[in-house]
């Protein structure tokens, strides 16, 4: 086996071992109780997401995000029937929640007949 040059990206399987212990998994209310939230990667496939600490979860998804604790194998078994095989732990490339925008000022009502508008010009003198 040859050594990998340092300028190449390492294989993710070699780089990130499976996390040990319980993970913080974002959930949402569902018809039968809580359901794990699924997300999409930047390229589009669905992924389960988990965090190694409650602080990382709230820093990424906000303090209002409910969560449960699950081990990584349990989360994978939970999402496999949904066709989700990918698990992202401690995602860093998340867009922040949009900031609330102030209400827009009321718009003027459109003119019904633009020809009815007359311009008043001052006499040139």
PDB file of N, CA and C in Angstrom:
ATOM      1  N   UNK A   1       0.853  -1.170   0.000  1.00  0.00           N
ATOM      2  CA  UNK A   1       0.000   0.000   0.000  1.00  0.00           C
ATOM      3  C   UNK A   1       0.893   1.225   0.000  1.00  0.00           C
ATOM      4  N   UNK A   2       0.567   2.207  -0.797  1.00  0.00           N
ATOM      5  CA  UNK A   2       1.387   3.417  -0.879  1.00  0.00           C
ATOM      6  C   UNK A   2       0.851   4.479   0.050  1.00  0.00           C
ATOM      7  N   UNK A   3       1.724   5.371   0.448  1.00  0.00           N
ATOM      8  CA  UNK A   3       1.329   6.472   1.334  1.00  0.00           C
ATOM      9  C   UNK A   3       0.512   7.490   0.553  1.00  0.00           C
ATOM     10  N   UNK A   4      -0.466   8.073   1.200  1.00  0.00           N
ATOM     11  CA  UNK A   4      -1.299   9.096   0.577  1.00  0.00           C
ATOM     12  C   UNK A   4      -0.569  10.427   0.632  1.00  0.00           C
ATOM     13  N   UNK A   5      -0.417  11.117  -0.499  1.00  0.00           N
ATOM     14  CA  UNK A   5       0.214  12.440  -0.453  1.00  0.00           C
ATOM     15  C   UNK A   5      -0.598  13.381   0.434  1.00  0.00           C
ATOM     16  N   UNK A   6       0.091  14.309   1.073  1.00  0.00           N
ATOM     17  CA  UNK A   6      -0.569  15.220   2.008  1.00  0.00           C
ATOM     18  C   UNK A   6      -1.497  16.209   1.327  1.00  0.00           C
ATOM     19  N   UNK A   7      -1.352  16.428   0.024  1.00  0.00           N
ATOM     20  CA  UNK A   7      -2.214  17.400  -0.639  1.00  0.00           C
ATOM     21  C   UNK A   7      -3.550  16.796  -1.075  1.00  0.00           C
ATOM     22  N   UNK A   8      -3.750  15.476  -0.887  1.00  0.00           N
ATOM     23  CA  UNK A   8      -5.024  14.847  -1.222  1.00  0.00           C
ATOM     24  C   UNK A   8      -5.947  14.872  -0.015  1.00  0.00           C
ATOM     25  N   UNK A   9      -7.240  14.881  -0.281  1.00  0.00           N
ATOM     26  CA  UNK A   9      -8.213  14.808   0.805  1.00  0.00           C
ATOM     27  C   UNK A   9      -8.231  13.388   1.360  1.00  0.00           C
ATOM     28  N   UNK A  10      -8.266  13.249   2.692  1.00  0.00           N
ATOM     29  CA  UNK A  10      -8.343  11.899   3.261  1.00  0.00           C
ATOM     30  C   UNK A  10      -9.728  11.304   3.051  1.00  0.00           C
ATOM     31  N   UNK A  11      -9.786   9.995   3.093  1.00  0.00           N
ATOM     32  CA  UNK A  11     -11.055   9.289   2.993  1.00  0.00           C
ATOM     33  C   UNK A  11     -11.876   9.592   4.241  1.00  0.00           C
ATOM     34  N   UNK A  12     -13.128  10.077   4.097  1.00  0.00           N
ATOM     35  CA  UNK A  12     -13.927  10.415   5.278  1.00  0.00           C
ATOM     36  C   UNK A  12     -14.102   9.248   6.245  1.00  0.00           C
ATOM     37  N   UNK A  13     -14.146   8.014   5.735  1.00  0.00           N
ATOM     38  CA  UNK A  13     -14.293   6.864   6.616  1.00  0.00           C
ATOM     39  C   UNK A  13     -13.078   6.714   7.525  1.00  0.00           C
ATOM     40  N   UNK A  14     -11.906   7.090   7.037  1.00  0.00           N
ATOM     41  CA  UNK A  14     -10.694   7.026   7.844  1.00  0.00           C
ATOM     42  C   UNK A  14     -10.587   8.232   8.764  1.00  0.00           C
ATOM     43  N   UNK A  15     -11.172   9.332   8.373  1.00  0.00           N
ATOM     44  CA  UNK A  15     -11.028  10.590   9.094  1.00  0.00           C
ATOM     45  C   UNK A  15     -11.941  10.679  10.310  1.00  0.00           C
ATOM     46  N   UNK A  16     -13.200  10.281  10.192  1.00  0.00           N
ATOM     47  CA  UNK A  16     -14.177  10.463  11.258  1.00  0.00           C
ATOM     48  C   UNK A  16     -14.673   9.116  11.771  1.00  0.00           C
ATOM     49  N   UNK A  17     -14.129   8.646  12.897  1.00  0.00           N
ATOM     50  CA  UNK A  17     -14.666   7.402  13.448  1.00  0.00           C
ATOM     51  C   UNK A  17     -16.077   7.631  13.975  1.00  0.00           C
ATOM     52  N   UNK A  18     -16.811   6.552  14.165  1.00  0.00           N
ATOM     53  CA  UNK A  18     -18.177   6.669  14.692  1.00  0.00           C
ATOM     54  C   UNK A  18     -18.129   7.307  16.073  1.00  0.00           C
ATOM     55  N   UNK A  19     -19.035   8.232  16.349  1.00  0.00           N
ATOM     56  CA  UNK A  19     -19.034   8.879  17.660  1.00  0.00           C
ATOM     57  C   UNK A  19     -19.403   7.879  18.755  1.00  0.00           C
ATOM     58  N   UNK A  20     -18.762   8.037  19.892  1.00  0.00           N
ATOM     59  CA  UNK A  20     -19.044   7.159  21.026  1.00  0.00           C
ATOM     60  C   UNK A  20     -20.104   7.807  21.911  1.00  0.00           C
ATOM     61  N   UNK A  21     -20.917   6.994  22.545  1.00  0.00           N
ATOM     62  CA  UNK A  21     -21.893   7.520  23.486  1.00  0.00           C
ATOM     63  C   UNK A  21     -23.162   7.996  22.812  1.00  0.00           C
ATOM     64  N   UNK A  22     -23.978   8.661  23.609  1.00  0.00           N
ATOM     65  CA  UNK A  22     -25.259   9.160  23.121  1.00  0.00           C
ATOM     66  C   UNK A  22     -25.080  10.467  22.369  1.00  0.00           C
ATOM     67  N   UNK A  23     -25.891  10.638  21.338  1.00  0.00           N
ATOM     68  CA  UNK A  23     -25.880  11.855  20.529  1.00  0.00           C
ATOM     69  C   UNK A  23     -27.144  12.653  20.810  1.00  0.00           C
ATOM     70  N   UNK A  24     -27.106  13.925  20.510  1.00  0.00           N
ATOM     71  CA  UNK A  24     -28.260  14.821  20.630  1.00  0.00           C
ATOM     72  C   UNK A  24     -28.892  14.906  19.247  1.00  0.00           C
ATOM     73  N   UNK A  25     -30.113  14.408  19.125  1.00  0.00           N
ATOM     74  CA  UNK A  25     -30.781  14.284  17.827  1.00  0.00           C
ATOM     75  C   UNK A  25     -31.964  15.248  17.772  1.00  0.00           C
ATOM     76  N   UNK A  26     -31.985  16.171  16.795  1.00  0.00           N
ATOM     77  CA  UNK A  26     -33.130  17.076  16.680  1.00  0.00           C
ATOM     78  C   UNK A  26     -34.383  16.307  16.274  1.00  0.00           C
ATOM     79  N   UNK A  27     -35.501  16.668  16.905  1.00  0.00           N
ATOM     80  CA  UNK A  27     -36.769  15.993  16.630  1.00  0.00           C
ATOM     81  C   UNK A  27     -37.854  17.028  16.353  1.00  0.00           C
ATOM     82  N   UNK A  28     -38.965  16.527  15.842  1.00  0.00           N
ATOM     83  CA  UNK A  28     -40.147  17.359  15.600  1.00  0.00           C
ATOM     84  C   UNK A  28     -41.358  16.550  16.033  1.00  0.00           C
ATOM     85  N   UNK A  29     -42.466  17.229  16.361  1.00  0.00           N
ATOM     86  CA  UNK A  29     -43.668  16.476  16.720  1.00  0.00           C
ATOM     87  C   UNK A  29     -44.227  15.754  15.502  1.00  0.00           C
ATOM     88  N   UNK A  30     -44.681  14.546  15.713  1.00  0.00           N
ATOM     89  CA  UNK A  30     -45.282  13.761  14.637  1.00  0.00           C
ATOM     90  C   UNK A  30     -46.587  13.159  15.116  1.00  0.00           C
ATOM     91  N   UNK A  31     -47.305  12.458  14.248  1.00  0.00           N
ATOM     92  CA  UNK A  31     -48.599  11.897  14.630  1.00  0.00           C
ATOM     93  C   UNK A  31     -48.501  10.851  15.742  1.00  0.00           C
ATOM     94  N   UNK A  32     -47.372  10.168  15.853  1.00  0.00           N
ATOM     95  CA  UNK A  32     -47.222   9.122  16.868  1.00  0.00           C
ATOM     96  C   UNK A  32     -46.259   9.540  17.976  1.00  0.00           C
ATOM     97  N   UNK A  33     -45.984  10.815  18.100  1.00  0.00           N
ATOM     98  CA  UNK A  33     -45.025  11.298  19.098  1.00  0.00           C
ATOM     99  C   UNK A  33     -43.937  12.102  18.418  1.00  0.00           C
ATOM    100  N   UNK A  34     -42.711  11.964  18.901  1.00  0.00           N
ATOM    101  CA  UNK A  34     -41.598  12.704  18.313  1.00  0.00           C
ATOM    102  C   UNK A  34     -40.983  11.919  17.165  1.00  0.00           C
ATOM    103  N   UNK A  35     -40.498  12.638  16.152  1.00  0.00           N
ATOM    104  CA  UNK A  35     -39.840  12.025  14.999  1.00  0.00           C
ATOM    105  C   UNK A  35     -38.515  12.734  14.769  1.00  0.00           C
ATOM    106  N   UNK A  36     -37.494  11.969  14.421  1.00  0.00           N
ATOM    107  CA  UNK A  36     -36.190  12.562  14.119  1.00  0.00           C
ATOM    108  C   UNK A  36     -36.321  13.447  12.885  1.00  0.00           C
ATOM    109  N   UNK A  37     -35.710  14.620  12.937  1.00  0.00           N
ATOM    110  CA  UNK A  37     -35.729  15.515  11.773  1.00  0.00           C
ATOM    111  C   UNK A  37     -34.723  15.033  10.744  1.00  0.00           C
ATOM    112  N   UNK A  38     -35.110  15.067   9.494  1.00  0.00           N
ATOM    113  CA  UNK A  38     -34.205  14.758   8.398  1.00  0.00           C
ATOM    114  C   UNK A  38     -33.818  16.068   7.726  1.00  0.00           C
ATOM    115  N   UNK A  39     -32.609  16.134   7.239  1.00  0.00           N
ATOM    116  CA  UNK A  39     -32.096  17.315   6.560  1.00  0.00           C
ATOM    117  C   UNK A  39     -31.588  16.887   5.196  1.00  0.00           C
ATOM    118  N   UNK A  40     -31.093  17.841   4.433  1.00  0.00           N
ATOM    119  CA  UNK A  40     -30.477  17.537   3.141  1.00  0.00           C
ATOM    120  C   UNK A  40     -29.044  18.034   3.150  1.00  0.00           C
ATOM    121  N   UNK A  41     -28.175  17.270   2.499  1.00  0.00           N
ATOM    122  CA  UNK A  41     -26.787  17.701   2.350  1.00  0.00           C
ATOM    123  C   UNK A  41     -26.752  18.817   1.310  1.00  0.00           C
ATOM    124  N   UNK A  42     -25.639  19.539   1.185  1.00  0.00           N
ATOM    125  CA  UNK A  42     -25.569  20.585   0.159  1.00  0.00           C
ATOM    126  C   UNK A  42     -25.823  20.062  -1.258  1.00  0.00           C
ATOM    127  N   UNK A  43     -25.560  18.773  -1.499  1.00  0.00           N
ATOM    128  CA  UNK A  43     -25.785  18.210  -2.831  1.00  0.00           C
ATOM    129  C   UNK A  43     -27.173  17.601  -2.998  1.00  0.00           C
ATOM    130  N   UNK A  44     -27.973  17.550  -1.925  1.00  0.00           N
ATOM    131  CA  UNK A  44     -29.353  17.125  -2.052  1.00  0.00           C
ATOM    132  C   UNK A  44     -29.796  15.872  -1.342  1.00  0.00           C
ATOM    133  N   UNK A  45     -28.934  14.842  -1.135  1.00  0.00           N
ATOM    134  CA  UNK A  45     -29.443  13.639  -0.466  1.00  0.00           C
ATOM    135  C   UNK A  45     -29.883  13.912   0.969  1.00  0.00           C
ATOM    136  N   UNK A  46     -30.886  13.145   1.417  1.00  0.00           N
ATOM    137  CA  UNK A  46     -31.356  13.300   2.796  1.00  0.00           C
ATOM    138  C   UNK A  46     -30.337  12.703   3.761  1.00  0.00           C
ATOM    139  N   UNK A  47     -30.258  13.302   4.941  1.00  0.00           N
ATOM    140  CA  UNK A  47     -29.345  12.831   5.976  1.00  0.00           C
ATOM    141  C   UNK A  47     -29.977  13.016   7.344  1.00  0.00           C
ATOM    142  N   UNK A  48     -29.686  12.080   8.234  1.00  0.00           N
ATOM    143  CA  UNK A  48     -30.010  12.282   9.642  1.00  0.00           C
ATOM    144  C   UNK A  48     -28.906  13.168  10.201  1.00  0.00           C
ATOM    145  N   UNK A  49     -29.230  13.959  11.201  1.00  0.00           N
ATOM    146  CA  UNK A  49     -28.254  14.864  11.805  1.00  0.00           C
ATOM    147  C   UNK A  49     -28.248  14.616  13.300  1.00  0.00           C
ATOM    148  N   UNK A  50     -27.046  14.626  13.879  1.00  0.00           N
ATOM    149  CA  UNK A  50     -26.905  14.477  15.327  1.00  0.00           C
ATOM    150  C   UNK A  50     -25.745  15.348  15.787  1.00  0.00           C
ATOM    151  N   UNK A  51     -25.743  15.652  17.065  1.00  0.00           N
ATOM    152  CA  UNK A  51     -24.715  16.519  17.640  1.00  0.00           C
ATOM    153  C   UNK A  51     -24.095  15.835  18.847  1.00  0.00           C
ATOM    154  N   UNK A  52     -22.843  16.159  19.124  1.00  0.00           N
ATOM    155  CA  UNK A  52     -22.144  15.560  20.257  1.00  0.00           C
ATOM    156  C   UNK A  52     -22.402  16.304  21.555  1.00  0.00           C
ATOM    157  N   UNK A  53     -23.062  17.456  21.494  1.00  0.00           N
ATOM    158  CA  UNK A  53     -23.417  18.187  22.717  1.00  0.00           C
ATOM    159  C   UNK A  53     -24.684  19.001  22.470  1.00  0.00           C
ATOM    160  N   UNK A  54     -25.400  19.277  23.563  1.00  0.00           N
ATOM    161  CA  UNK A  54     -26.597  20.114  23.455  1.00  0.00           C
ATOM    162  C   UNK A  54     -26.207  21.517  23.016  1.00  0.00           C
ATOM    163  N   UNK A  55     -25.035  21.983  23.443  1.00  0.00           N
ATOM    164  CA  UNK A  55     -24.572  23.318  23.055  1.00  0.00           C
ATOM    165  C   UNK A  55     -24.391  23.415  21.539  1.00  0.00           C
ATOM    166  N   UNK A  56     -23.790  22.405  20.931  1.00  0.00           N
ATOM    167  CA  UNK A  56     -23.602  22.424  19.467  1.00  0.00           C
ATOM    168  C   UNK A  56     -24.944  22.402  18.746  1.00  0.00           C
ATOM    169  N   UNK A  57     -25.889  21.617  19.262  1.00  0.00           N
ATOM    170  CA  UNK A  57     -27.208  21.553  18.638  1.00  0.00           C
ATOM    171  C   UNK A  57     -27.890  22.916  18.699  1.00  0.00           C
ATOM    172  N   UNK A  58     -27.922  23.542  19.877  1.00  0.00           N
ATOM    173  CA  UNK A  58     -28.613  24.828  19.995  1.00  0.00           C
ATOM    174  C   UNK A  58     -27.871  25.937  19.268  1.00  0.00           C
ATOM    175  N   UNK A  59     -26.551  25.857  19.174  1.00  0.00           N
ATOM    176  CA  UNK A  59     -25.801  26.865  18.425  1.00  0.00           C
ATOM    177  C   UNK A  59     -26.116  26.781  16.934  1.00  0.00           C
ATOM    178  N   UNK A  60     -26.433  25.588  16.454  1.00  0.00           N
ATOM    179  CA  UNK A  60     -26.712  25.400  15.028  1.00  0.00           C
ATOM    180  C   UNK A  60     -28.187  25.574  14.697  1.00  0.00           C
ATOM    181  N   UNK A  61     -29.072  25.011  15.520  1.00  0.00           N
ATOM    182  CA  UNK A  61     -30.500  24.988  15.191  1.00  0.00           C
ATOM    183  C   UNK A  61     -31.356  25.902  16.056  1.00  0.00           C
ATOM    184  N   UNK A  62     -30.774  26.514  17.071  1.00  0.00           N
ATOM    185  CA  UNK A  62     -31.525  27.432  17.917  1.00  0.00           C
ATOM    186  C   UNK A  62     -31.983  26.777  19.211  1.00  0.00           C
ATOM    187  N   UNK A  63     -32.283  27.622  20.189  1.00  0.00           N
ATOM    188  CA  UNK A  63     -32.661  27.123  21.510  1.00  0.00           C
ATOM    189  C   UNK A  63     -34.056  26.502  21.531  1.00  0.00           C
ATOM    190  N   UNK A  64     -34.887  26.810  20.558  1.00  0.00           N
ATOM    191  CA  UNK A  64     -36.240  26.259  20.517  1.00  0.00           C
ATOM    192  C   UNK A  64     -36.329  24.882  19.883  1.00  0.00           C
ATOM    193  N   UNK A  65     -35.194  24.342  19.411  1.00  0.00           N
ATOM    194  CA  UNK A  65     -35.210  23.040  18.743  1.00  0.00           C
ATOM    195  C   UNK A  65     -35.280  21.910  19.774  1.00  0.00           C
ATOM    196  N   UNK A  66     -36.365  21.122  19.788  1.00  0.00           N
ATOM    197  CA  UNK A  66     -36.409  19.987  20.709  1.00  0.00           C
ATOM    198  C   UNK A  66     -35.444  18.890  20.256  1.00  0.00           C
ATOM    199  N   UNK A  67     -34.979  18.086  21.199  1.00  0.00           N
ATOM    200  CA  UNK A  67     -34.040  17.017  20.880  1.00  0.00           C
ATOM    201  C   UNK A  67     -34.231  15.844  21.837  1.00  0.00           C
ATOM    202  N   UNK A  68     -33.715  14.693  21.413  1.00  0.00           N
ATOM    203  CA  UNK A  68     -33.653  13.503  22.258  1.00  0.00           C
ATOM    204  C   UNK A  68     -32.233  12.966  22.170  1.00  0.00           C
ATOM    205  N   UNK A  69     -31.891  12.061  23.067  1.00  0.00           N
ATOM    206  CA  UNK A  69     -30.566  11.443  23.032  1.00  0.00           C
ATOM    207  C   UNK A  69     -30.710  10.018  22.519  1.00  0.00           C
ATOM    208  N   UNK A  70     -29.897   9.700  21.521  1.00  0.00           N
ATOM    209  CA  UNK A  70     -29.877   8.359  20.933  1.00  0.00           C
ATOM    210  C   UNK A  70     -28.435   7.966  20.656  1.00  0.00           C
ATOM    211  N   UNK A  71     -28.150   6.680  20.722  1.00  0.00           N
ATOM    212  CA  UNK A  71     -26.855   6.172  20.280  1.00  0.00           C
ATOM    213  C   UNK A  71     -26.855   6.136  18.755  1.00  0.00           C
ATOM    214  N   UNK A  72     -25.689   6.220  18.165  1.00  0.00           N
ATOM    215  CA  UNK A  72     -25.566   6.246  16.703  1.00  0.00           C
ATOM    216  C   UNK A  72     -26.200   5.021  16.042  1.00  0.00           C
ATOM    217  N   UNK A  73     -25.995   3.789  16.547  1.00  0.00           N
ATOM    218  CA  UNK A  73     -26.653   2.644  15.897  1.00  0.00           C
ATOM    219  C   UNK A  73     -28.182   2.721  15.967  1.00  0.00           C
ATOM    220  N   UNK A  74     -28.721   3.229  17.070  1.00  0.00           N
ATOM    221  CA  UNK A  74     -30.178   3.356  17.194  1.00  0.00           C
ATOM    222  C   UNK A  74     -30.722   4.371  16.197  1.00  0.00           C
ATOM    223  N   UNK A  75     -30.016   5.484  16.011  1.00  0.00           N
ATOM    224  CA  UNK A  75     -30.452   6.498  15.043  1.00  0.00           C
ATOM    225  C   UNK A  75     -30.419   5.928  13.631  1.00  0.00           C
ATOM    226  N   UNK A  76     -29.395   5.162  13.312  1.00  0.00           N
ATOM    227  CA  UNK A  76     -29.315   4.551  11.977  1.00  0.00           C
ATOM    228  C   UNK A  76     -30.454   3.555  11.753  1.00  0.00           C
ATOM    229  N   UNK A  77     -30.775   2.763  12.774  1.00  0.00           N
ATOM    230  CA  UNK A  77     -31.894   1.807  12.636  1.00  0.00           C
ATOM    231  C   UNK A  77     -33.227   2.538  12.503  1.00  0.00           C
ATOM    232  N   UNK A  78     -33.337   3.682  13.143  1.00  0.00           N
ATOM    233  CA  UNK A  78     -34.564   4.477  13.080  1.00  0.00           C
ATOM    234  C   UNK A  78     -34.766   5.091  11.697  1.00  0.00           C
ATOM    235  N   UNK A  79     -33.684   5.517  11.051  1.00  0.00           N
ATOM    236  CA  UNK A  79     -33.803   6.207   9.766  1.00  0.00           C
ATOM    237  C   UNK A  79     -33.685   5.276   8.558  1.00  0.00           C
ATOM    238  N   UNK A  80     -33.174   4.068   8.738  1.00  0.00           N
ATOM    239  CA  UNK A  80     -33.008   3.141   7.610  1.00  0.00           C
ATOM    240  C   UNK A  80     -34.322   2.833   6.897  1.00  0.00           C
ATOM    241  N   UNK A  81     -35.445   2.582   7.602  1.00  0.00           N
ATOM    242  CA  UNK A  81     -36.700   2.312   6.882  1.00  0.00           C
ATOM    243  C   UNK A  81     -37.179   3.493   6.040  1.00  0.00           C
ATOM    244  N   UNK A  82     -36.678   4.685   6.326  1.00  0.00           N
ATOM    245  CA  UNK A  82     -37.045   5.868   5.543  1.00  0.00           C
ATOM    246  C   UNK A  82     -36.160   6.029   4.311  1.00  0.00           C
ATOM    247  N   UNK A  83     -35.194   5.126   4.141  1.00  0.00           N
ATOM    248  CA  UNK A  83     -34.267   5.228   3.022  1.00  0.00           C
ATOM    249  C   UNK A  83     -33.139   6.211   3.275  1.00  0.00           C
ATOM    250  N   UNK A  84     -32.939   6.595   4.527  1.00  0.00           N
ATOM    251  CA  UNK A  84     -31.882   7.548   4.874  1.00  0.00           C
ATOM    252  C   UNK A  84     -30.729   6.756   5.476  1.00  0.00           C
ATOM    253  N   UNK A  85     -29.636   6.630   4.725  1.00  0.00           N
ATOM    254  CA  UNK A  85     -28.477   5.874   5.188  1.00  0.00           C
ATOM    255  C   UNK A  85     -27.364   6.788   5.686  1.00  0.00           C
ATOM    256  N   UNK A  86     -27.454   8.065   5.382  1.00  0.00           N
ATOM    257  CA  UNK A  86     -26.396   9.012   5.729  1.00  0.00           C
ATOM    258  C   UNK A  86     -26.663   9.607   7.107  1.00  0.00           C
ATOM    259  N   UNK A  87     -25.591   9.775   7.900  1.00  0.00           N
ATOM    260  CA  UNK A  87     -25.665  10.433   9.198  1.00  0.00           C
ATOM    261  C   UNK A  87     -24.591  11.508   9.242  1.00  0.00           C
ATOM    262  N   UNK A  88     -24.991  12.731   9.521  1.00  0.00           N
ATOM    263  CA  UNK A  88     -24.062  13.848   9.642  1.00  0.00           C
ATOM    264  C   UNK A  88     -23.990  14.230  11.112  1.00  0.00           C
ATOM    265  N   UNK A  89     -22.782  14.164  11.683  1.00  0.00           N
ATOM    266  CA  UNK A  89     -22.581  14.504  13.089  1.00  0.00           C
ATOM    267  C   UNK A  89     -21.913  15.869  13.175  1.00  0.00           C
ATOM    268  N   UNK A  90     -22.451  16.730  14.015  1.00  0.00           N
ATOM    269  CA  UNK A  90     -21.945  18.094  14.221  1.00  0.00           C
ATOM    270  C   UNK A  90     -21.760  18.846  12.901  1.00  0.00           C
ATOM    271  N   UNK A  91     -22.834  19.011  12.126  1.00  0.00           N
ATOM    272  CA  UNK A  91     -22.691  19.726  10.854  1.00  0.00           C
ATOM    273  C   UNK A  91     -22.223  21.151  11.091  1.00  0.00           C
ATOM    274  N   UNK A  92     -21.343  21.616  10.215  1.00  0.00           N
ATOM    275  CA  UNK A  92     -20.827  22.979  10.339  1.00  0.00           C
ATOM    276  C   UNK A  92     -21.280  23.862   9.197  1.00  0.00           C
ATOM    277  N   UNK A  93     -21.745  23.280   8.113  1.00  0.00           N
ATOM    278  CA  UNK A  93     -22.165  24.074   6.959  1.00  0.00           C
ATOM    279  C   UNK A  93     -23.681  24.214   6.951  1.00  0.00           C
ATOM    280  N   UNK A  94     -24.209  24.855   7.964  1.00  0.00           N
ATOM    281  CA  UNK A  94     -25.651  25.093   8.068  1.00  0.00           C
ATOM    282  C   UNK A  94     -25.930  26.570   7.891  1.00  0.00           C
ATOM    283  N   UNK A  95     -26.943  26.876   7.138  1.00  0.00           N
ATOM    284  CA  UNK A  95     -27.352  28.274   7.011  1.00  0.00           C
ATOM    285  C   UNK A  95     -28.069  28.686   8.288  1.00  0.00           C
ATOM    286  N   UNK A  96     -27.788  29.879   8.787  1.00  0.00           N
ATOM    287  CA  UNK A  96     -28.498  30.327   9.988  1.00  0.00           C
ATOM    288  C   UNK A  96     -29.971  30.577   9.680  1.00  0.00           C
ATOM    289  N   UNK A  97     -30.762  30.532  10.702  1.00  0.00           N
ATOM    290  CA  UNK A  97     -32.185  30.820  10.528  1.00  0.00           C
ATOM    291  C   UNK A  97     -32.336  32.257  10.051  1.00  0.00           C
ATOM    292  N   UNK A  98     -33.261  32.512   9.156  1.00  0.00           N
ATOM    293  CA  UNK A  98     -33.426  33.885   8.683  1.00  0.00           C
ATOM    294  C   UNK A  98     -33.889  34.796   9.810  1.00  0.00           C
ATOM    295  N   UNK A  99     -33.360  36.002   9.806  1.00  0.00           N
ATOM    296  CA  UNK A  99     -33.760  36.991  10.812  1.00  0.00           C
ATOM    297  C   UNK A  99     -35.158  37.491  10.481  1.00  0.00           C
ATOM    298  N   UNK A 100     -35.953  37.770  11.499  1.00  0.00           N
ATOM    299  CA  UNK A 100     -37.279  38.312  11.211  1.00  0.00           C
ATOM    300  C   UNK A 100     -37.152  39.665  10.518  1.00  0.00           C
ATOM    301  N   UNK A 101     -38.002  39.893   9.571  1.00  0.00           N
ATOM    302  CA  UNK A 101     -37.969  41.169   8.854  1.00  0.00           C
ATOM    303  C   UNK A 101     -39.074  42.070   9.379  1.00  0.00           C
ATOM    304  N   UNK A 102     -38.812  43.373   9.398  1.00  0.00           N
ATOM    305  CA  UNK A 102     -39.865  44.287   9.848  1.00  0.00           C
ATOM    306  C   UNK A 102     -41.004  44.287   8.838  1.00  0.00           C
ATOM    307  N   UNK A 103     -42.204  44.589   9.284  1.00  0.00           N
ATOM    308  CA  UNK A 103     -43.322  44.615   8.337  1.00  0.00           C
ATOM    309  C   UNK A 103     -43.100  45.685   7.271  1.00  0.00           C
ATOM    310  N   UNK A 104     -43.525  45.373   6.081  1.00  0.00           N
ATOM    311  CA  UNK A 104     -43.387  46.319   4.973  1.00  0.00           C
ATOM    312  C   UNK A 104     -44.367  47.469   5.145  1.00  0.00           C
ATOM    313  N   UNK A 105     -43.963  48.683   4.737  1.00  0.00           N
ATOM    314  CA  UNK A 105     -44.919  49.793   4.799  1.00  0.00           C
ATOM    315  C   UNK A 105     -46.050  49.542   3.811  1.00  0.00           C
ATOM    316  N   UNK A 106     -47.229  50.064   4.085  1.00  0.00           N
ATOM    317  CA  UNK A 106     -48.344  49.846   3.155  1.00  0.00           C
ATOM    318  C   UNK A 106     -48.036  50.470   1.797  1.00  0.00           C
ATOM    319  N   UNK A 107     -48.471  49.792   0.778  1.00  0.00           N
ATOM    320  CA  UNK A 107     -48.257  50.288  -0.584  1.00  0.00           C
ATOM    321  C   UNK A 107     -49.436  51.154  -0.998  1.00  0.00           C
ATOM    322  N   UNK A 108     -49.149  52.112  -1.864  1.00  0.00           N
ATOM    323  CA  UNK A 108     -50.226  52.947  -2.409  1.00  0.00           C
ATOM    324  C   UNK A 108     -51.079  52.098  -3.339  1.00  0.00           C
ATOM    325  N   UNK A 109     -52.350  52.362  -3.342  1.00  0.00           N
ATOM    326  CA  UNK A 109     -53.255  51.634  -4.224  1.00  0.00           C
ATOM    327  C   UNK A 109     -52.947  52.001  -5.670  1.00  0.00           C
ATOM    328  N   UNK A 110     -52.947  51.028  -6.561  1.00  0.00           N
ATOM    329  CA  UNK A 110     -52.674  51.345  -7.965  1.00  0.00           C
ATOM    330  C   UNK A 110     -53.798  52.195  -8.555  1.00  0.00           C
ATOM    331  N   UNK A 111     -53.421  53.028  -9.505  1.00  0.00           N
ATOM    332  CA  UNK A 111     -54.407  53.869 -10.193  1.00  0.00           C
ATOM    333  C   UNK A 111     -55.252  53.001 -11.104  1.00  0.00           C
ATOM    334  N   UNK A 112     -56.545  53.268 -11.114  1.00  0.00           N
ATOM    335  CA  UNK A 112     -57.432  52.489 -11.970  1.00  0.00           C
ATOM    336  C   UNK A 112     -57.365  52.969 -13.409  1.00  0.00           C
ATOM    337  N   UNK A 113     -57.225  54.284 -13.594  1.00  0.00           N
ATOM    338  CA  UNK A 113     -57.183  54.842 -14.945  1.00  0.00           C
ATOM    339  C   UNK A 113     -56.028  55.833 -15.010  1.00  0.00           C
ATOM    340  N   UNK A 114     -54.850  55.393 -15.523  1.00  0.00           N
ATOM    341  CA  UNK A 114     -53.708  56.305 -15.572  1.00  0.00           C
ATOM    342  C   UNK A 114     -53.995  57.571 -16.383  1.00  0.00           C
ATOM    343  N   UNK A 115     -54.944  57.537 -17.338  1.00  0.00           N
ATOM    344  CA  UNK A 115     -55.253  58.723 -18.144  1.00  0.00           C
ATOM    345  C   UNK A 115     -55.983  59.772 -17.320  1.00  0.00           C
ATOM    346  N   UNK A 116     -56.559  59.365 -16.188  1.00  0.00           N
ATOM    347  CA  UNK A 116     -57.302  60.315 -15.361  1.00  0.00           C
ATOM    348  C   UNK A 116     -56.372  61.221 -14.565  1.00  0.00           C
ATOM    349  N   UNK A 117     -55.097  60.884 -14.521  1.00  0.00           N
ATOM    350  CA  UNK A 117     -54.142  61.713 -13.786  1.00  0.00           C
ATOM    351  C   UNK A 117     -53.768  62.894 -14.669  1.00  0.00           C
ATOM    352  N   UNK A 118     -53.910  64.096 -14.142  1.00  0.00           N
ATOM    353  CA  UNK A 118     -53.537  65.288 -14.908  1.00  0.00           C
ATOM    354  C   UNK A 118     -52.404  65.987 -14.190  1.00  0.00           C
ATOM    355  N   UNK A 119     -51.499  66.476 -14.945  1.00  0.00           N
ATOM    356  CA  UNK A 119     -50.376  67.214 -14.372  1.00  0.00           C
ATOM    357  C   UNK A 119     -50.725  68.688 -14.372  1.00  0.00           C
ATOM    358  N   UNK A 120     -50.376  69.341 -13.306  1.00  0.00           N
ATOM    359  CA  UNK A 120     -50.603  70.776 -13.221  1.00  0.00           C
ATOM    360  C   UNK A 120     -49.269  71.463 -13.411  1.00  0.00           C
ATOM    361  N   UNK A 121     -49.194  72.301 -14.432  1.00  0.00           N
ATOM    362  CA  UNK A 121     -47.947  73.019 -14.704  1.00  0.00           C
ATOM    363  C   UNK A 121     -48.126  74.482 -14.372  1.00  0.00           C
ATOM    364  N   UNK A 122     -47.098  75.055 -13.831  1.00  0.00           N
ATOM    365  CA  UNK A 122     -47.127  76.496 -13.538  1.00  0.00           C
ATOM    366  C   UNK A 122     -46.895  77.250 -14.835  1.00  0.00           C
ATOM    367  N   UNK A 123     -47.563  78.381 -15.001  1.00  0.00           N
ATOM    368  CA  UNK A 123     -47.351  79.149 -16.234  1.00  0.00           C
ATOM    369  C   UNK A 123     -45.913  79.650 -16.314  1.00  0.00           C
ATOM    370  N   UNK A 124     -45.386  79.581 -17.492  1.00  0.00           N
ATOM    371  CA  UNK A 124     -44.022  80.069 -17.729  1.00  0.00           C
ATOM    372  C   UNK A 124     -44.131  81.542 -18.057  1.00  0.00           C
ATOM    373  N   UNK A 125     -43.371  82.335 -17.395  1.00  0.00           N
ATOM    374  CA  UNK A 125     -43.628  83.712 -17.652  1.00  0.00           C
ATOM    375  C   UNK A 125     -42.541  84.593 -17.711  1.00  0.00           C
TER     376      UNK A 125
END
